[in-house]
Amino acid sequence: MANGIELTTLDHVKAWLAIDESNTDSDDYLLRLIKSASRFALNYMQRDSMAATLYNEMYDGYGKSYMVLRQYPAIDVIALSFNGVPVSEATGNGITTPFADGYVLEDPKVAPSQQRLSLFGRVYPHQRSSVYVSYRAGYLISDESHTIIGNYGQYQFQTNSVWLQDDGVKLSNGTALTRVYVDPANVGPMQYCVDEDGQYSFNAAQGGSVVLVSYSYVPPDVEQAVWELVGERYRAQDRIGLNSKTLGGQETVSYDVRAMSPYIRELLNPYKRVVPV
């Protein structure tokens, strides 16, 4: 899922559908359904991806001390400027020392949806297209801890959540490792590689080391929604064009033929962007 589009894996879908992993008859069809269901979910949520992405955006200023960013959750602000004049991050911590002279990004754990980018000591200019913001937004796990243990000569581990995109690996002391794009058997000391399912591989020199991994991930309820979408389409091939059928003249079975069930909608609604762009 290195492109950040597919929101689940083939193995996860087969497990949910109770298809034995050794049965590959439907793999190509399921992969197509995963792509289409993921795109459907992203379109509904009004997102291009769930992965951490750099956004460079222009905003109108309205003379207020805050504005709401378009992408959510915002991870960090790279740059903020008014008509080309840079604005620095605020000093202080807002607890023991008041914020002053700059911007503060609202914590996504506090904001129920899009986050405020607040100013202290100044306001946004009351002018169209005067505010430029460069920031990262997406679903990112930072510094997930793993111990590199060798198995049959391979030094690997799998991320805890559904992996979308790598954002770096470092030793517990903060020393960064270098990502390489090679066969896992050829990874050198202080290097790592990762496959599209989030399996990280290392050199034997790092065996026993504790590493901190940062990566974009798929929230569990979003992945569940994609499973539901894939499952509905997969089973629908056995009843194309049917809304209901009678079994032995005794019982009538009706099918939900809506593009998205209320359950799937409820799973995705918390991730839907709602601020006008």
C-alpha atoms as a PDB file:
ATOM      1  CA  MET A   1       0.000   0.000   0.000  1.00  0.00           C
ATOM      2  CA  ALA A   2       2.909   2.304  -0.667  1.00  0.00           C
ATOM      3  CA  ASN A   3       0.756   4.691  -2.718  1.00  0.00           C
ATOM      4  CA  GLY A   4      -1.471   5.417   0.284  1.00  0.00           C
ATOM      5  CA  ILE A   5      -4.635   4.534  -1.669  1.00  0.00           C
ATOM      6  CA  GLU A   6      -5.472   0.922  -0.746  1.00  0.00           C
ATOM      7  CA  LEU A   7      -6.919   0.994   2.759  1.00  0.00           C
ATOM      8  CA  THR A   8      -6.580  -2.693   3.583  1.00  0.00           C
ATOM      9  CA  THR A   9      -4.596  -5.729   2.493  1.00  0.00           C
ATOM     10  CA  LEU A  10      -5.519  -8.814   0.529  1.00  0.00           C
ATOM     11  CA  ASP A  11      -4.629 -11.043   3.487  1.00  0.00           C
ATOM     12  CA  HIS A  12      -6.901  -9.070   5.819  1.00  0.00           C
ATOM     13  CA  VAL A  13      -9.829  -9.191   3.383  1.00  0.00           C
ATOM     14  CA  LYS A  14      -9.449 -12.944   2.826  1.00  0.00           C
ATOM     15  CA  ALA A  15      -9.352 -13.550   6.565  1.00  0.00           C
ATOM     16  CA  TRP A  16     -12.516 -11.473   7.055  1.00  0.00           C
ATOM     17  CA  LEU A  17     -14.295 -13.319   4.232  1.00  0.00           C
ATOM     18  CA  ALA A  18     -13.105 -16.669   5.644  1.00  0.00           C
ATOM     19  CA  ILE A  19     -11.204 -17.503   2.443  1.00  0.00           C
ATOM     20  CA  ASP A  20      -8.249 -19.801   3.063  1.00  0.00           C
ATOM     21  CA  GLU A  21      -4.972 -17.995   2.372  1.00  0.00           C
ATOM     22  CA  SER A  22      -3.868 -20.873   0.129  1.00  0.00           C
ATOM     23  CA  ASN A  23      -6.895 -20.315  -2.135  1.00  0.00           C
ATOM     24  CA  THR A  24      -5.788 -17.758  -4.732  1.00  0.00           C
ATOM     25  CA  ASP A  25      -8.666 -18.207  -7.197  1.00  0.00           C
ATOM     26  CA  SER A  26     -10.249 -14.844  -6.345  1.00  0.00           C
ATOM     27  CA  ASP A  27      -7.109 -12.851  -5.531  1.00  0.00           C
ATOM     28  CA  ASP A  28      -7.115 -10.691  -8.676  1.00  0.00           C
ATOM     29  CA  TYR A  29     -10.815  -9.934  -8.295  1.00  0.00           C
ATOM     30  CA  LEU A  30     -10.415  -9.081  -4.610  1.00  0.00           C
ATOM     31  CA  LEU A  31      -7.478  -6.783  -5.371  1.00  0.00           C
ATOM     32  CA  ARG A  32      -9.649  -4.871  -7.856  1.00  0.00           C
ATOM     33  CA  LEU A  33     -12.415  -4.623  -5.267  1.00  0.00           C
ATOM     34  CA  ILE A  34      -9.947  -3.352  -2.658  1.00  0.00           C
ATOM     35  CA  LYS A  35      -8.806  -0.586  -5.010  1.00  0.00           C
ATOM     36  CA  SER A  36     -12.349   0.465  -5.940  1.00  0.00           C
ATOM     37  CA  ALA A  37     -13.678   0.225  -2.366  1.00  0.00           C
ATOM     38  CA  SER A  38     -10.725   2.244  -1.047  1.00  0.00           C
ATOM     39  CA  ARG A  39     -11.277   4.939  -3.661  1.00  0.00           C
ATOM     40  CA  PHE A  40     -15.003   4.971  -2.862  1.00  0.00           C
ATOM     41  CA  ALA A  41     -14.251   5.454   0.844  1.00  0.00           C
ATOM     42  CA  LEU A  42     -11.686   8.195   0.171  1.00  0.00           C
ATOM     43  CA  ASN A  43     -14.114  10.044  -2.103  1.00  0.00           C
ATOM     44  CA  TYR A  44     -16.823   9.856   0.546  1.00  0.00           C
ATOM     45  CA  MET A  45     -14.409  11.203   3.170  1.00  0.00           C
ATOM     46  CA  GLN A  46     -13.289  13.910   0.693  1.00  0.00           C
ATOM     47  CA  ARG A  47      -9.678  12.831   1.006  1.00  0.00           C
ATOM     48  CA  ASP A  48      -6.927  11.983  -1.460  1.00  0.00           C
ATOM     49  CA  SER A  49      -5.171   9.704   1.019  1.00  0.00           C
ATOM     50  CA  MET A  50      -5.022   8.792   4.699  1.00  0.00           C
ATOM     51  CA  ALA A  51      -1.207   8.917   4.667  1.00  0.00           C
ATOM     52  CA  ALA A  52       0.893  11.778   6.016  1.00  0.00           C
ATOM     53  CA  THR A  53       1.128  14.263   3.143  1.00  0.00           C
ATOM     54  CA  LEU A  54       2.711  17.683   2.665  1.00  0.00           C
ATOM     55  CA  TYR A  55       0.178  20.405   1.781  1.00  0.00           C
ATOM     56  CA  ASN A  56       1.008  23.890   0.521  1.00  0.00           C
ATOM     57  CA  GLU A  57      -2.133  26.026   0.682  1.00  0.00           C
ATOM     58  CA  MET A  58      -3.274  29.631   0.317  1.00  0.00           C
ATOM     59  CA  TYR A  59      -6.004  31.084   2.558  1.00  0.00           C
ATOM     60  CA  ASP A  60      -7.930  34.319   2.821  1.00  0.00           C
ATOM     61  CA  GLY A  61      -7.280  36.302   5.997  1.00  0.00           C
ATOM     62  CA  TYR A  62     -10.262  37.617   7.975  1.00  0.00           C
ATOM     63  CA  GLY A  63      -8.614  39.696  10.690  1.00  0.00           C
ATOM     64  CA  LYS A  64      -9.083  36.952  13.316  1.00  0.00           C
ATOM     65  CA  SER A  65      -6.587  35.364  15.685  1.00  0.00           C
ATOM     66  CA  TYR A  66      -7.164  31.870  14.267  1.00  0.00           C
ATOM     67  CA  MET A  67      -8.089  29.974  11.123  1.00  0.00           C
ATOM     68  CA  VAL A  68      -9.085  26.360  10.459  1.00  0.00           C
ATOM     69  CA  LEU A  69      -6.826  24.194   8.316  1.00  0.00           C
ATOM     70  CA  ARG A  70      -8.420  22.240   5.461  1.00  0.00           C
ATOM     71  CA  GLN A  71      -6.668  18.916   6.026  1.00  0.00           C
ATOM     72  CA  TYR A  72      -7.099  16.790   9.145  1.00  0.00           C
ATOM     73  CA  PRO A  73      -5.388  15.652  11.301  1.00  0.00           C
ATOM     74  CA  ALA A  74      -2.593  18.190  10.909  1.00  0.00           C
ATOM     75  CA  ILE A  75       0.719  16.823  12.193  1.00  0.00           C
ATOM     76  CA  ASP A  76       3.001  19.833  12.103  1.00  0.00           C
ATOM     77  CA  VAL A  77       3.419  23.216  10.422  1.00  0.00           C
ATOM     78  CA  ILE A  78       6.445  23.629   8.170  1.00  0.00           C
ATOM     79  CA  ALA A  79       5.980  27.320   7.324  1.00  0.00           C
ATOM     80  CA  LEU A  80       3.476  30.137   7.759  1.00  0.00           C
ATOM     81  CA  SER A  81       3.693  33.525   6.049  1.00  0.00           C
ATOM     82  CA  PHE A  82       1.587  36.621   5.342  1.00  0.00           C
ATOM     83  CA  ASN A  83       2.173  38.108   1.881  1.00  0.00           C
ATOM     84  CA  GLY A  84       5.595  36.465   1.814  1.00  0.00           C
ATOM     85  CA  VAL A  85       6.610  37.577   5.327  1.00  0.00           C
ATOM     86  CA  PRO A  86       7.347  34.503   7.516  1.00  0.00           C
ATOM     87  CA  VAL A  87       5.670  34.001  10.880  1.00  0.00           C
ATOM     88  CA  SER A  88       7.447  31.983  13.577  1.00  0.00           C
ATOM     89  CA  GLU A  89       6.075  29.389  15.947  1.00  0.00           C
ATOM     90  CA  ALA A  90       4.937  30.927  19.248  1.00  0.00           C
ATOM     91  CA  THR A  91       7.151  30.904  22.309  1.00  0.00           C
ATOM     92  CA  GLY A  92       5.898  29.473  25.591  1.00  0.00           C
ATOM     93  CA  ASN A  93       3.978  26.291  26.319  1.00  0.00           C
ATOM     94  CA  GLY A  94       0.539  27.634  27.228  1.00  0.00           C
ATOM     95  CA  ILE A  95       0.712  26.010  30.676  1.00  0.00           C
ATOM     96  CA  THR A  96       3.510  27.445  32.778  1.00  0.00           C
ATOM     97  CA  THR A  97       4.420  30.119  30.226  1.00  0.00           C
ATOM     98  CA  PRO A  98       1.794  31.899  28.094  1.00  0.00           C
ATOM     99  CA  PHE A  99       2.032  31.573  24.317  1.00  0.00           C
ATOM    100  CA  ALA A 100       3.409  34.701  22.639  1.00  0.00           C
ATOM    101  CA  ASP A 101       4.582  36.101  19.299  1.00  0.00           C
ATOM    102  CA  GLY A 102       3.647  33.395  16.802  1.00  0.00           C
ATOM    103  CA  TYR A 103       1.426  30.487  15.804  1.00  0.00           C
ATOM    104  CA  VAL A 104       0.224  27.390  17.673  1.00  0.00           C
ATOM    105  CA  LEU A 105      -1.297  24.327  16.017  1.00  0.00           C
ATOM    106  CA  GLU A 106      -4.199  22.826  17.939  1.00  0.00           C
ATOM    107  CA  ASP A 107      -3.618  19.266  19.178  1.00  0.00           C
ATOM    108  CA  PRO A 108      -5.639  16.797  17.029  1.00  0.00           C
ATOM    109  CA  LYS A 109      -6.500  14.892  20.222  1.00  0.00           C
ATOM    110  CA  VAL A 110      -8.348  18.001  21.440  1.00  0.00           C
ATOM    111  CA  ALA A 111      -9.993  19.040  18.156  1.00  0.00           C
ATOM    112  CA  PRO A 112     -12.990  16.871  17.133  1.00  0.00           C
ATOM    113  CA  SER A 113     -12.338  17.564  13.456  1.00  0.00           C
ATOM    114  CA  GLN A 114     -10.262  20.167  11.609  1.00  0.00           C
ATOM    115  CA  GLN A 115      -7.732  22.000  13.784  1.00  0.00           C
ATOM    116  CA  ARG A 116      -7.188  25.663  14.481  1.00  0.00           C
ATOM    117  CA  LEU A 117      -3.931  27.399  13.649  1.00  0.00           C
ATOM    118  CA  SER A 118      -4.009  30.156  16.278  1.00  0.00           C
ATOM    119  CA  LEU A 119      -1.959  33.336  16.501  1.00  0.00           C
ATOM    120  CA  PHE A 120      -0.675  35.004  19.644  1.00  0.00           C
ATOM    121  CA  GLY A 121       0.384  38.647  19.632  1.00  0.00           C
ATOM    122  CA  ARG A 122      -1.081  39.316  16.174  1.00  0.00           C
ATOM    123  CA  VAL A 123      -4.012  38.513  13.861  1.00  0.00           C
ATOM    124  CA  TYR A 124      -4.360  37.218  10.315  1.00  0.00           C
ATOM    125  CA  PRO A 125      -4.428  40.048   7.743  1.00  0.00           C
ATOM    126  CA  HIS A 126      -7.883  40.970   6.416  1.00  0.00           C
ATOM    127  CA  GLN A 127      -6.970  40.283   2.820  1.00  0.00           C
ATOM    128  CA  ARG A 128      -7.730  37.669   0.177  1.00  0.00           C
ATOM    129  CA  SER A 129      -5.097  35.015  -0.615  1.00  0.00           C
ATOM    130  CA  SER A 130      -2.674  36.584   1.838  1.00  0.00           C
ATOM    131  CA  VAL A 131      -1.925  33.581   4.049  1.00  0.00           C
ATOM    132  CA  TYR A 132       0.374  30.753   2.942  1.00  0.00           C
ATOM    133  CA  VAL A 133       0.664  27.589   5.039  1.00  0.00           C
ATOM    134  CA  SER A 134       2.886  24.568   4.443  1.00  0.00           C
ATOM    135  CA  TYR A 135       2.019  21.662   6.733  1.00  0.00           C
ATOM    136  CA  ARG A 136       1.776  17.884   6.990  1.00  0.00           C
ATOM    137  CA  ALA A 137      -1.518  16.141   7.634  1.00  0.00           C
ATOM    138  CA  GLY A 138      -2.601  12.507   7.767  1.00  0.00           C
ATOM    139  CA  TYR A 139      -2.750   9.535  10.098  1.00  0.00           C
ATOM    140  CA  LEU A 140       0.746   9.023  11.479  1.00  0.00           C
ATOM    141  CA  ILE A 141       2.089   6.818  14.262  1.00  0.00           C
ATOM    142  CA  SER A 142       5.328   8.248  15.647  1.00  0.00           C
ATOM    143  CA  ASP A 143       8.068   6.251  17.372  1.00  0.00           C
ATOM    144  CA  GLU A 144       6.366   2.866  17.665  1.00  0.00           C
ATOM    145  CA  SER A 145       8.812   0.702  19.589  1.00  0.00           C
ATOM    146  CA  HIS A 146      10.021  -2.671  18.284  1.00  0.00           C
ATOM    147  CA  THR A 147      12.862  -5.015  19.189  1.00  0.00           C
ATOM    148  CA  ILE A 148      14.666  -6.489  16.183  1.00  0.00           C
ATOM    149  CA  ILE A 149      14.740 -10.244  16.662  1.00  0.00           C
ATOM    150  CA  GLY A 150      16.288 -12.638  14.182  1.00  0.00           C
ATOM    151  CA  ASN A 151      14.163 -15.426  12.744  1.00  0.00           C
ATOM    152  CA  TYR A 152      15.855 -17.958  10.477  1.00  0.00           C
ATOM    153  CA  GLY A 153      18.583 -15.449   9.659  1.00  0.00           C
ATOM    154  CA  GLN A 154      16.099 -12.659   8.854  1.00  0.00           C
ATOM    155  CA  TYR A 155      15.805  -9.678  11.168  1.00  0.00           C
ATOM    156  CA  GLN A 156      12.259  -8.434  10.703  1.00  0.00           C
ATOM    157  CA  PHE A 157       9.060  -7.280  12.373  1.00  0.00           C
ATOM    158  CA  GLN A 158       5.562  -6.232  11.313  1.00  0.00           C
ATOM    159  CA  THR A 159       3.977  -2.899  12.278  1.00  0.00           C
ATOM    160  CA  ASN A 160       1.140  -3.001  14.807  1.00  0.00           C
ATOM    161  CA  SER A 161      -1.317  -1.110  12.571  1.00  0.00           C
ATOM    162  CA  VAL A 162      -2.142  -1.326   8.859  1.00  0.00           C
ATOM    163  CA  TRP A 163       0.849   0.276   7.134  1.00  0.00           C
ATOM    164  CA  LEU A 164       0.481   2.932   4.433  1.00  0.00           C
ATOM    165  CA  GLN A 165       3.768   4.809   4.193  1.00  0.00           C
ATOM    166  CA  ASP A 166       7.164   4.915   5.892  1.00  0.00           C
ATOM    167  CA  ASP A 167       8.188   7.990   7.854  1.00  0.00           C
ATOM    168  CA  GLY A 168      11.545   6.873   9.211  1.00  0.00           C
ATOM    169  CA  VAL A 169      13.273   4.516  11.655  1.00  0.00           C
ATOM    170  CA  LYS A 170      15.729   5.394  14.411  1.00  0.00           C
ATOM    171  CA  LEU A 171      17.490   3.625  17.235  1.00  0.00           C
ATOM    172  CA  SER A 172      16.226   4.227  20.757  1.00  0.00           C
ATOM    173  CA  ASN A 173      19.088   6.720  21.238  1.00  0.00           C
ATOM    174  CA  GLY A 174      17.783   8.845  18.343  1.00  0.00           C
ATOM    175  CA  THR A 175      20.290   7.758  15.676  1.00  0.00           C
ATOM    176  CA  ALA A 176      18.494   7.542  12.326  1.00  0.00           C
ATOM    177  CA  LEU A 177      18.732   4.480  10.091  1.00  0.00           C
ATOM    178  CA  THR A 178      18.813   4.803   6.298  1.00  0.00           C
ATOM    179  CA  ARG A 179      16.064   3.315   4.165  1.00  0.00           C
ATOM    180  CA  VAL A 180      17.254   1.304   1.147  1.00  0.00           C
ATOM    181  CA  TYR A 181      15.302  -0.251  -1.708  1.00  0.00           C
ATOM    182  CA  VAL A 182      16.928  -3.675  -1.970  1.00  0.00           C
ATOM    183  CA  ASP A 183      16.150  -7.315  -1.302  1.00  0.00           C
ATOM    184  CA  PRO A 184      15.866  -7.774   2.501  1.00  0.00           C
ATOM    185  CA  ALA A 185      18.841 -10.171   2.380  1.00  0.00           C
ATOM    186  CA  ASN A 186      21.042  -7.308   1.130  1.00  0.00           C
ATOM    187  CA  VAL A 187      20.255  -4.725   3.785  1.00  0.00           C
ATOM    188  CA  GLY A 188      23.486  -3.338   5.268  1.00  0.00           C
ATOM    189  CA  PRO A 189      24.354  -2.205   8.805  1.00  0.00           C
ATOM    190  CA  MET A 190      22.348   0.848   9.936  1.00  0.00           C
ATOM    191  CA  GLN A 191      19.980   0.372   7.003  1.00  0.00           C
ATOM    192  CA  TYR A 192      16.436  -0.944   6.652  1.00  0.00           C
ATOM    193  CA  CYS A 193      13.867  -1.724   3.993  1.00  0.00           C
ATOM    194  CA  VAL A 194      10.102  -2.111   4.223  1.00  0.00           C
ATOM    195  CA  ASP A 195       7.604  -3.867   1.958  1.00  0.00           C
ATOM    196  CA  GLU A 196       4.112  -2.711   0.969  1.00  0.00           C
ATOM    197  CA  ASP A 197       2.541  -4.583   3.890  1.00  0.00           C
ATOM    198  CA  GLY A 198       4.652  -2.879   6.547  1.00  0.00           C
ATOM    199  CA  GLN A 199       7.221  -5.591   7.210  1.00  0.00           C
ATOM    200  CA  TYR A 200      10.552  -3.976   8.144  1.00  0.00           C
ATOM    201  CA  SER A 201      13.854  -5.791   7.528  1.00  0.00           C
ATOM    202  CA  PHE A 202      17.286  -5.067   9.025  1.00  0.00           C
ATOM    203  CA  ASN A 203      20.870  -6.228   8.989  1.00  0.00           C
ATOM    204  CA  ALA A 204      22.073  -8.768  11.549  1.00  0.00           C
ATOM    205  CA  ALA A 205      24.219  -6.009  13.077  1.00  0.00           C
ATOM    206  CA  GLN A 206      21.019  -4.478  14.463  1.00  0.00           C
ATOM    207  CA  GLY A 207      19.798  -7.770  15.970  1.00  0.00           C
ATOM    208  CA  GLY A 208      18.518  -7.212  19.497  1.00  0.00           C
ATOM    209  CA  SER A 209      18.319  -3.430  19.038  1.00  0.00           C
ATOM    210  CA  VAL A 210      15.250  -1.422  20.022  1.00  0.00           C
ATOM    211  CA  VAL A 211      14.085   0.819  17.164  1.00  0.00           C
ATOM    212  CA  LEU A 212      11.419   3.530  16.943  1.00  0.00           C
ATOM    213  CA  VAL A 213       9.346   3.393  13.763  1.00  0.00           C
ATOM    214  CA  SER A 214       7.150   6.157  12.357  1.00  0.00           C
ATOM    215  CA  TYR A 215       4.630   5.383   9.640  1.00  0.00           C
ATOM    216  CA  SER A 216       1.263   6.351   8.188  1.00  0.00           C
ATOM    217  CA  TYR A 217      -1.532   3.939   9.011  1.00  0.00           C
ATOM    218  CA  VAL A 218      -5.190   3.155   8.344  1.00  0.00           C
ATOM    219  CA  PRO A 219      -7.537   3.710  11.330  1.00  0.00           C
ATOM    220  CA  PRO A 220      -9.252   0.398  12.222  1.00  0.00           C
ATOM    221  CA  ASP A 221     -12.803   1.608  11.589  1.00  0.00           C
ATOM    222  CA  VAL A 222     -11.853   2.903   8.129  1.00  0.00           C
ATOM    223  CA  GLU A 223     -10.350  -0.484   7.298  1.00  0.00           C
ATOM    224  CA  GLN A 224     -13.515  -2.169   8.598  1.00  0.00           C
ATOM    225  CA  ALA A 225     -15.607   0.006   6.276  1.00  0.00           C
ATOM    226  CA  VAL A 226     -13.481  -1.117   3.314  1.00  0.00           C
ATOM    227  CA  TRP A 227     -13.900  -4.766   4.355  1.00  0.00           C
ATOM    228  CA  GLU A 228     -17.665  -4.241   4.382  1.00  0.00           C
ATOM    229  CA  LEU A 229     -17.625  -2.611   0.944  1.00  0.00           C
ATOM    230  CA  VAL A 230     -15.443  -5.351  -0.540  1.00  0.00           C
ATOM    231  CA  GLY A 231     -17.514  -8.085   1.082  1.00  0.00           C
ATOM    232  CA  GLU A 232     -20.801  -6.701  -0.216  1.00  0.00           C
ATOM    233  CA  ARG A 233     -19.488  -6.467  -3.772  1.00  0.00           C
ATOM    234  CA  TYR A 234     -17.846  -9.881  -3.567  1.00  0.00           C
ATOM    235  CA  ARG A 235     -21.042 -11.616  -2.437  1.00  0.00           C
ATOM    236  CA  ALA A 236     -23.188  -9.587  -4.869  1.00  0.00           C
ATOM    237  CA  GLN A 237     -21.695 -11.447  -7.828  1.00  0.00           C
ATOM    238  CA  ASP A 238     -23.894 -14.418  -6.841  1.00  0.00           C
ATOM    239  CA  ARG A 239     -27.074 -12.312  -6.951  1.00  0.00           C
ATOM    240  CA  ILE A 240     -26.545  -9.718  -9.688  1.00  0.00           C
ATOM    241  CA  GLY A 241     -29.805  -7.886 -10.386  1.00  0.00           C
ATOM    242  CA  LEU A 242     -31.665  -9.462  -7.447  1.00  0.00           C
ATOM    243  CA  ASN A 243     -33.375  -7.394  -4.757  1.00  0.00           C
ATOM    244  CA  SER A 244     -34.948 -10.432  -3.090  1.00  0.00           C
ATOM    245  CA  LYS A 245     -35.654 -14.114  -3.592  1.00  0.00           C
ATOM    246  CA  THR A 246     -37.978 -16.725  -2.139  1.00  0.00           C
ATOM    247  CA  LEU A 247     -36.575 -19.901  -0.591  1.00  0.00           C
ATOM    248  CA  GLY A 248     -38.778 -22.960  -1.093  1.00  0.00           C
ATOM    249  CA  GLY A 249     -41.925 -20.858  -1.035  1.00  0.00           C
ATOM    250  CA  GLN A 250     -41.540 -20.461   2.722  1.00  0.00           C
ATOM    251  CA  GLU A 251     -39.154 -17.597   3.269  1.00  0.00           C
ATOM    252  CA  THR A 252     -38.222 -14.419   1.380  1.00  0.00           C
ATOM    253  CA  VAL A 253     -34.724 -12.969   1.628  1.00  0.00           C
ATOM    254  CA  SER A 254     -34.226  -9.285   0.755  1.00  0.00           C
ATOM    255  CA  TYR A 255     -30.866  -7.736  -0.115  1.00  0.00           C
ATOM    256  CA  ASP A 256     -29.601  -4.259   0.683  1.00  0.00           C
ATOM    257  CA  VAL A 257     -28.736  -2.876  -2.762  1.00  0.00           C
ATOM    258  CA  ARG A 258     -27.629   0.577  -1.629  1.00  0.00           C
ATOM    259  CA  ALA A 259     -24.123   1.660  -2.619  1.00  0.00           C
ATOM    260  CA  MET A 260     -23.240   2.135   1.059  1.00  0.00           C
ATOM    261  CA  SER A 261     -25.022   0.800   4.111  1.00  0.00           C
ATOM    262  CA  PRO A 262     -25.794   2.999   7.148  1.00  0.00           C
ATOM    263  CA  TYR A 263     -23.204   1.022   9.136  1.00  0.00           C
ATOM    264  CA  ILE A 264     -20.426   1.821   6.665  1.00  0.00           C
ATOM    265  CA  ARG A 265     -21.503   5.461   6.615  1.00  0.00           C
ATOM    266  CA  GLU A 266     -21.235   5.641  10.403  1.00  0.00           C
ATOM    267  CA  LEU A 267     -17.761   4.109  10.304  1.00  0.00           C
ATOM    268  CA  LEU A 268     -16.514   6.718   7.808  1.00  0.00           C
ATOM    269  CA  ASN A 269     -18.342   9.845   9.015  1.00  0.00           C
ATOM    270  CA  PRO A 270     -15.816  10.757  11.769  1.00  0.00           C
ATOM    271  CA  TYR A 271     -13.093  10.969   9.097  1.00  0.00           C
ATOM    272  CA  LYS A 272     -15.033  13.074   6.613  1.00  0.00           C
ATOM    273  CA  ARG A 273     -13.642  16.544   5.910  1.00  0.00           C
ATOM    274  CA  VAL A 274     -16.391  19.107   6.397  1.00  0.00           C
ATOM    275  CA  VAL A 275     -14.686  22.527   6.256  1.00  0.00           C
ATOM    276  CA  PRO A 276     -15.290  24.333   2.915  1.00  0.00           C
ATOM    277  CA  VAL A 277     -12.158  24.679   0.786  1.00  0.00           C
END
